[in-house]
C-alpha atoms as a PDB file:
ATOM      1  CA  UNK A   1     167.950  24.490 327.440  1.00  0.00           C
ATOM      2  CA  UNK A   2     170.902  25.453 325.280  1.00  0.00           C
ATOM      3  CA  UNK A   3     171.485  29.027 324.191  1.00  0.00           C
ATOM      4  CA  UNK A   4     173.487  29.189 320.976  1.00  0.00           C
ATOM      5  CA  UNK A   5     175.417  25.936 321.079  1.00  0.00           C
ATOM      6  CA  UNK A   6     178.800  25.788 319.380  1.00  0.00           C
ATOM      7  CA  UNK A   7     179.855  22.778 317.363  1.00  0.00           C
ATOM      8  CA  UNK A   8     183.530  22.233 318.132  1.00  0.00           C
ATOM      9  CA  UNK A   9     184.081  20.052 315.063  1.00  0.00           C
ATOM     10  CA  UNK A  10     183.510  22.846 312.535  1.00  0.00           C
ATOM     11  CA  UNK A  11     186.840  23.901 310.990  1.00  0.00           C
ATOM     12  CA  UNK A  12     187.850  27.533 311.585  1.00  0.00           C
ATOM     13  CA  UNK A  13     186.927  30.107 308.971  1.00  0.00           C
ATOM     14  CA  UNK A  14     190.180  31.379 307.381  1.00  0.00           C
ATOM     15  CA  UNK A  15     190.786  35.124 307.533  1.00  0.00           C
ATOM     16  CA  UNK A  16     191.745  35.253 303.826  1.00  0.00           C
ATOM     17  CA  UNK A  17     188.402  33.753 302.848  1.00  0.00           C
ATOM     18  CA  UNK A  18     186.582  36.207 305.112  1.00  0.00           C
ATOM     19  CA  UNK A  19     188.369  39.186 303.551  1.00  0.00           C
ATOM     20  CA  UNK A  20     187.628  37.894 300.043  1.00  0.00           C
ATOM     21  CA  UNK A  21     183.955  37.479 300.931  1.00  0.00           C
ATOM     22  CA  UNK A  22     183.729  40.989 302.390  1.00  0.00           C
ATOM     23  CA  UNK A  23     185.435  42.455 299.304  1.00  0.00           C
ATOM     24  CA  UNK A  24     182.957  40.709 297.015  1.00  0.00           C
ATOM     25  CA  UNK A  25     180.042  41.878 299.167  1.00  0.00           C
ATOM     26  CA  UNK A  26     181.345  45.452 298.987  1.00  0.00           C
ATOM     27  CA  UNK A  27     181.470  45.255 295.179  1.00  0.00           C
ATOM     28  CA  UNK A  28     177.773  44.401 295.122  1.00  0.00           C
ATOM     29  CA  UNK A  29     176.536  46.606 297.975  1.00  0.00           C
ATOM     30  CA  UNK A  30     178.485  49.883 297.861  1.00  0.00           C
ATOM     31  CA  UNK A  31     177.160  51.222 294.506  1.00  0.00           C
ATOM     32  CA  UNK A  32     173.477  50.670 295.414  1.00  0.00           C
ATOM     33  CA  UNK A  33     174.087  52.197 298.848  1.00  0.00           C
ATOM     34  CA  UNK A  34     175.650  55.304 297.296  1.00  0.00           C
ATOM     35  CA  UNK A  35     172.813  55.527 294.780  1.00  0.00           C
ATOM     36  CA  UNK A  36     170.199  55.219 297.531  1.00  0.00           C
ATOM     37  CA  UNK A  37     171.941  57.864 299.630  1.00  0.00           C
ATOM     38  CA  UNK A  38     172.078  60.293 296.700  1.00  0.00           C
ATOM     39  CA  UNK A  39     168.418  59.581 295.906  1.00  0.00           C
ATOM     40  CA  UNK A  40     167.422  60.386 299.489  1.00  0.00           C
ATOM     41  CA  UNK A  41     169.431  63.609 299.497  1.00  0.00           C
ATOM     42  CA  UNK A  42     168.555  65.034 296.075  1.00  0.00           C
ATOM     43  CA  UNK A  43     165.111  63.590 295.310  1.00  0.00           C
ATOM     44  CA  UNK A  44     163.180  62.908 298.483  1.00  0.00           C
ATOM     45  CA  UNK A  45     164.677  65.782 300.490  1.00  0.00           C
ATOM     46  CA  UNK A  46     161.933  68.051 299.279  1.00  0.00           C
ATOM     47  CA  UNK A  47     159.134  69.660 301.219  1.00  0.00           C
ATOM     48  CA  UNK A  48     156.080  67.441 301.388  1.00  0.00           C
ATOM     49  CA  UNK A  49     152.656  68.980 300.942  1.00  0.00           C
ATOM     50  CA  UNK A  50     151.573  67.724 304.384  1.00  0.00           C
ATOM     51  CA  UNK A  51     152.817  70.253 306.901  1.00  0.00           C
ATOM     52  CA  UNK A  52     155.968  71.220 304.956  1.00  0.00           C
ATOM     53  CA  UNK A  53     158.020  68.465 306.586  1.00  0.00           C
ATOM     54  CA  UNK A  54     161.502  67.880 305.224  1.00  0.00           C
ATOM     55  CA  UNK A  55     162.171  64.146 304.976  1.00  0.00           C
ATOM     56  CA  UNK A  56     165.817  64.131 306.043  1.00  0.00           C
ATOM     57  CA  UNK A  57     165.720  67.286 308.140  1.00  0.00           C
ATOM     58  CA  UNK A  58     168.667  68.882 306.335  1.00  0.00           C
ATOM     59  CA  UNK A  59     166.854  72.154 305.769  1.00  0.00           C
ATOM     60  CA  UNK A  60     166.935  74.617 308.667  1.00  0.00           C
ATOM     61  CA  UNK A  61     163.239  75.376 308.205  1.00  0.00           C
ATOM     62  CA  UNK A  62     162.105  71.781 308.671  1.00  0.00           C
ATOM     63  CA  UNK A  63     160.247  71.099 311.879  1.00  0.00           C
ATOM     64  CA  UNK A  64     160.860  68.034 313.966  1.00  0.00           C
ATOM     65  CA  UNK A  65     157.878  65.847 314.931  1.00  0.00           C
ATOM     66  CA  UNK A  66     158.102  67.156 318.519  1.00  0.00           C
ATOM     67  CA  UNK A  67     157.882  70.734 317.224  1.00  0.00           C
ATOM     68  CA  UNK A  68     154.992  69.877 314.926  1.00  0.00           C
ATOM     69  CA  UNK A  69     152.874  67.795 317.279  1.00  0.00           C
ATOM     70  CA  UNK A  70     154.112  69.058 320.630  1.00  0.00           C
ATOM     71  CA  UNK A  71     154.373  65.667 322.286  1.00  0.00           C
ATOM     72  CA  UNK A  72     156.832  62.882 322.862  1.00  0.00           C
ATOM     73  CA  UNK A  73     156.495  59.116 322.980  1.00  0.00           C
ATOM     74  CA  UNK A  74     154.425  57.965 325.944  1.00  0.00           C
ATOM     75  CA  UNK A  75     155.780  55.626 328.595  1.00  0.00           C
ATOM     76  CA  UNK A  76     153.208  52.998 327.639  1.00  0.00           C
ATOM     77  CA  UNK A  77     154.235  53.038 323.990  1.00  0.00           C
ATOM     78  CA  UNK A  78     157.910  52.827 324.901  1.00  0.00           C
ATOM     79  CA  UNK A  79     157.197  49.946 327.262  1.00  0.00           C
ATOM     80  CA  UNK A  80     155.273  48.166 324.518  1.00  0.00           C
ATOM     81  CA  UNK A  81     158.233  48.596 322.154  1.00  0.00           C
ATOM     82  CA  UNK A  82     160.624  47.131 324.733  1.00  0.00           C
ATOM     83  CA  UNK A  83     158.267  44.257 325.519  1.00  0.00           C
ATOM     84  CA  UNK A  84     157.814  43.463 321.827  1.00  0.00           C
ATOM     85  CA  UNK A  85     161.577  43.426 321.321  1.00  0.00           C
ATOM     86  CA  UNK A  86     162.135  41.096 324.268  1.00  0.00           C
ATOM     87  CA  UNK A  87     159.379  38.712 323.161  1.00  0.00           C
ATOM     88  CA  UNK A  88     160.783  38.656 319.637  1.00  0.00           C
ATOM     89  CA  UNK A  89     164.276  37.884 320.968  1.00  0.00           C
ATOM     90  CA  UNK A  90     162.963  35.084 323.196  1.00  0.00           C
ATOM     91  CA  UNK A  91     160.962  33.559 320.315  1.00  0.00           C
ATOM     92  CA  UNK A  92     164.042  33.658 318.105  1.00  0.00           C
ATOM     93  CA  UNK A  93     166.136  31.905 320.741  1.00  0.00           C
ATOM     94  CA  UNK A  94     163.375  29.349 321.266  1.00  0.00           C
ATOM     95  CA  UNK A  95     163.198  28.638 317.522  1.00  0.00           C
ATOM     96  CA  UNK A  96     166.987  28.283 317.409  1.00  0.00           C
ATOM     97  CA  UNK A  97     166.994  25.831 320.318  1.00  0.00           C
ATOM     98  CA  UNK A  98     164.057  23.910 318.852  1.00  0.00           C
ATOM     99  CA  UNK A  99     165.856  23.534 315.525  1.00  0.00           C
ATOM    100  CA  UNK A 100     168.961  22.066 317.156  1.00  0.00           C
ATOM    101  CA  UNK A 101     166.787  19.861 319.374  1.00  0.00           C
ATOM    102  CA  UNK A 102     165.046  18.401 316.303  1.00  0.00           C
ATOM    103  CA  UNK A 103     168.368  17.935 314.506  1.00  0.00           C
ATOM    104  CA  UNK A 104     169.807  16.094 317.519  1.00  0.00           C
ATOM    105  CA  UNK A 105     166.640  14.034 317.817  1.00  0.00           C
ATOM    106  CA  UNK A 106     166.758  12.949 314.167  1.00  0.00           C
ATOM    107  CA  UNK A 107     170.431  11.940 314.235  1.00  0.00           C
END
């Protein structure tokens, strides 16, 4: 079973093209990212009616979830998170290998 095969006949990606692509991506992504950051700081960083929880935690009076609920994540929940991540990774690798298997089969 192959894990991330590399096709040696693909020409190398030039550094100039990569830099141009990153610059164009920055033109499209930086203004919305700044706008979203400012929105989170100035609009949603207000006290919610449920328990006076500050969304970003910038205020000194905001309580953390551990302070509010007095508990931490259980070992079973953490284990379930890790197991879900590993299964998702394995399924992704399996789908990747299956795709290249079908492509090789159809050639």
